[in-house]
Protein backbone atom coordinates (compact mmCIF):
# COMPACT_ATOMS: atom_id res chain seq x y z
CA UNK A 1 1.90 -13.00 21.60
CA UNK A 2 -0.81 -14.41 19.34
CA UNK A 3 -3.21 -11.68 20.42
CA UNK A 4 -0.63 -8.95 19.60
CA UNK A 5 -0.02 -10.42 16.14
CA UNK A 6 -3.79 -10.53 15.48
CA UNK A 7 -4.42 -6.98 16.75
CA UNK A 8 -1.48 -5.63 14.54
CA UNK A 9 -2.74 -7.51 11.55
CA UNK A 10 -6.29 -6.37 12.15
CA UNK A 11 -5.19 -2.74 12.40
CA UNK A 12 -3.19 -2.90 9.14
CA UNK A 13 -5.98 -4.69 7.23
CA UNK A 14 -8.52 -2.10 8.24
CA UNK A 15 -6.19 0.78 7.45
CA UNK A 16 -5.22 -0.69 4.14
CA UNK A 17 -8.93 -1.10 3.26
CA UNK A 18 -9.72 2.49 4.14
CA UNK A 19 -6.68 3.87 2.41
CA UNK A 20 -7.36 1.75 -0.65
CA UNK A 21 -11.03 2.96 -0.72
CA UNK A 22 -9.88 6.56 -0.47
CA UNK A 23 -7.29 6.29 -3.30
CA UNK A 24 -9.28 3.94 -5.60
CA UNK A 25 -10.24 6.65 -8.08
CA UNK A 26 -6.60 7.80 -8.40
CA UNK A 27 -5.50 4.27 -9.05
CA UNK A 28 -8.06 3.84 -11.87
CA UNK A 29 -6.99 7.17 -13.34
CA UNK A 30 -3.34 6.23 -13.28
CA UNK A 31 -3.69 2.75 -14.71
CA UNK A 32 -6.49 3.28 -17.24
CA UNK A 33 -5.87 6.85 -18.53
CA UNK A 34 -2.16 7.72 -17.79
CA UNK A 35 -0.75 4.21 -18.47
CA UNK A 36 -3.45 3.29 -21.01
CA UNK A 37 -3.90 -0.20 -19.70
CA UNK A 38 -6.81 -2.11 -21.07
CA UNK A 39 -9.39 -3.34 -18.55
CA UNK A 40 -8.25 -7.00 -18.81
CA UNK A 41 -4.62 -6.14 -17.79
CA UNK A 42 -5.71 -3.73 -15.21
CA UNK A 43 -7.92 -6.20 -13.44
CA UNK A 44 -5.37 -9.00 -13.56
CA UNK A 45 -2.62 -6.74 -12.21
CA UNK A 46 -4.93 -5.56 -9.41
CA UNK A 47 -6.00 -9.17 -8.43
CA UNK A 48 -2.40 -10.37 -8.19
CA UNK A 49 -1.16 -7.18 -6.53
CA UNK A 50 -3.97 -6.95 -3.99
CA UNK A 51 -3.68 -10.59 -3.15
CA UNK A 52 0.03 -10.29 -2.43
CA UNK A 53 -0.43 -6.91 -0.78
CA UNK A 54 -2.83 -8.36 1.88
CA UNK A 55 -0.96 -11.58 2.30
CA UNK A 56 2.36 -9.92 3.18
CA UNK A 57 0.82 -6.93 5.09
CA UNK A 58 2.87 -7.81 8.15
CA UNK A 59 5.90 -6.55 6.24
CA UNK A 60 4.39 -3.14 5.91
CA UNK A 61 3.71 -3.06 9.61
CA UNK A 62 7.31 -3.95 10.30
CA UNK A 63 8.60 -1.31 7.89
CA UNK A 64 6.51 1.45 9.38
CA UNK A 65 7.69 0.65 12.91
CA UNK A 66 11.26 0.30 11.60
CA UNK A 67 11.43 3.63 9.70
CA UNK A 68 9.66 5.55 12.43
CA UNK A 69 12.66 4.89 14.71
CA UNK A 70 14.88 6.78 12.37
CA UNK A 71 12.74 9.34 10.47
CA UNK A 72 9.88 11.63 11.18
CA UNK A 73 6.58 9.96 11.19
CA UNK A 74 5.23 11.35 7.90
CA UNK A 75 8.40 10.72 5.93
CA UNK A 76 8.67 7.17 7.52
CA UNK A 77 5.12 6.30 6.51
CA UNK A 78 5.70 7.45 2.94
CA UNK A 79 8.98 5.59 2.61
CA UNK A 80 7.42 2.48 4.15
CA UNK A 81 4.50 2.47 1.75
CA UNK A 82 6.85 3.13 -1.16
CA UNK A 83 9.30 0.36 -0.33
CA UNK A 84 6.47 -2.13 0.32
CA UNK A 85 4.06 -1.44 -2.60
CA UNK A 86 6.43 -0.82 -5.49
CA UNK A 87 8.12 -4.33 -5.69
CA UNK A 88 4.73 -5.93 -5.28
CA UNK A 89 3.20 -3.90 -8.09
CA UNK A 90 6.25 -4.54 -10.39
CA UNK A 91 6.00 -8.25 -9.69
CA UNK A 92 2.26 -8.28 -10.50
CA UNK A 93 2.70 -6.30 -13.69
CA UNK A 94 5.57 -8.64 -14.81
CA UNK A 95 3.43 -11.70 -14.20
CA UNK A 96 0.65 -10.28 -16.28
CA UNK A 97 3.04 -9.33 -19.02
CA UNK A 98 2.90 -5.59 -19.08
CA UNK A 99 5.58 -3.90 -21.16
CA UNK A 100 8.73 -2.79 -19.25
CA UNK A 101 8.32 0.86 -20.26
CA UNK A 102 4.78 0.97 -18.85
CA UNK A 103 5.93 -0.74 -15.66
CA UNK A 104 8.73 1.79 -15.18
CA UNK A 105 6.27 4.66 -15.76
CA UNK A 106 3.79 3.14 -13.34
CA UNK A 107 6.51 2.73 -10.72
CA UNK A 108 7.47 6.38 -11.15
CA UNK A 109 3.83 7.49 -10.81
CA UNK A 110 3.29 5.29 -7.77
CA UNK A 111 6.52 6.49 -6.21
CA UNK A 112 5.33 10.16 -6.33
CA UNK A 113 1.91 9.06 -5.27
CA UNK A 114 3.21 7.18 -2.24
CA UNK A 115 5.53 9.99 -1.25
CA UNK A 116 2.74 12.47 -1.41
CA UNK A 117 0.00 10.27 0.19
CA UNK A 118 1.97 7.92 2.45
CA UNK A 119 1.28 10.19 5.44
CA UNK A 120 -2.49 9.45 4.91
CA UNK A 121 -1.95 5.64 5.38
CA UNK A 122 0.09 6.31 8.52
CA UNK A 123 -2.61 8.65 9.93
CA UNK A 124 -5.29 6.04 9.15
CA UNK A 125 -3.14 3.34 10.80
CA UNK A 126 -2.58 5.38 13.93
CA UNK A 127 -6.32 6.23 14.22
CA UNK A 128 -7.14 2.49 13.80
CA UNK A 129 -4.54 1.55 16.46
CA UNK A 130 -5.90 4.25 18.85
CA UNK A 131 -9.51 3.17 18.23
CA UNK A 132 -8.85 -0.47 19.20
CA UNK A 133 -6.53 0.43 22.04
CA UNK A 134 -9.28 2.52 23.54
CA UNK A 135 -11.86 -0.16 22.93
CA UNK A 136 -9.64 -2.71 24.78
CA UNK A 137 -9.33 -0.40 27.80
């Protein structure tokens, strides 16, 4: 049981790091240029958001497996990422003290982003799972 939890966590951490690395430029573009956040607010939101995102990553794993039972894989991955990340981002932005209208705009932008790129996270997660499964055999 412990080994299964560790391997699932490991797979999600690696997939999240890879996905975050690939989408990093988009995030900076959204927050700095579209939302016009100053660097101080942007960094504070990112620190709080990323800390909570990695701490509660097991929830994303559960959401992906849950939605994949009912929806096609690509839609399930996008919906999972959307329902996991948006509340975390909104909470981080509220803690930092970002204006409500900017938070709502950010959530709209990230909703579209997650719906368009959620399949990429699912693909990376599946490849990570396959890699470690093959390595274990």
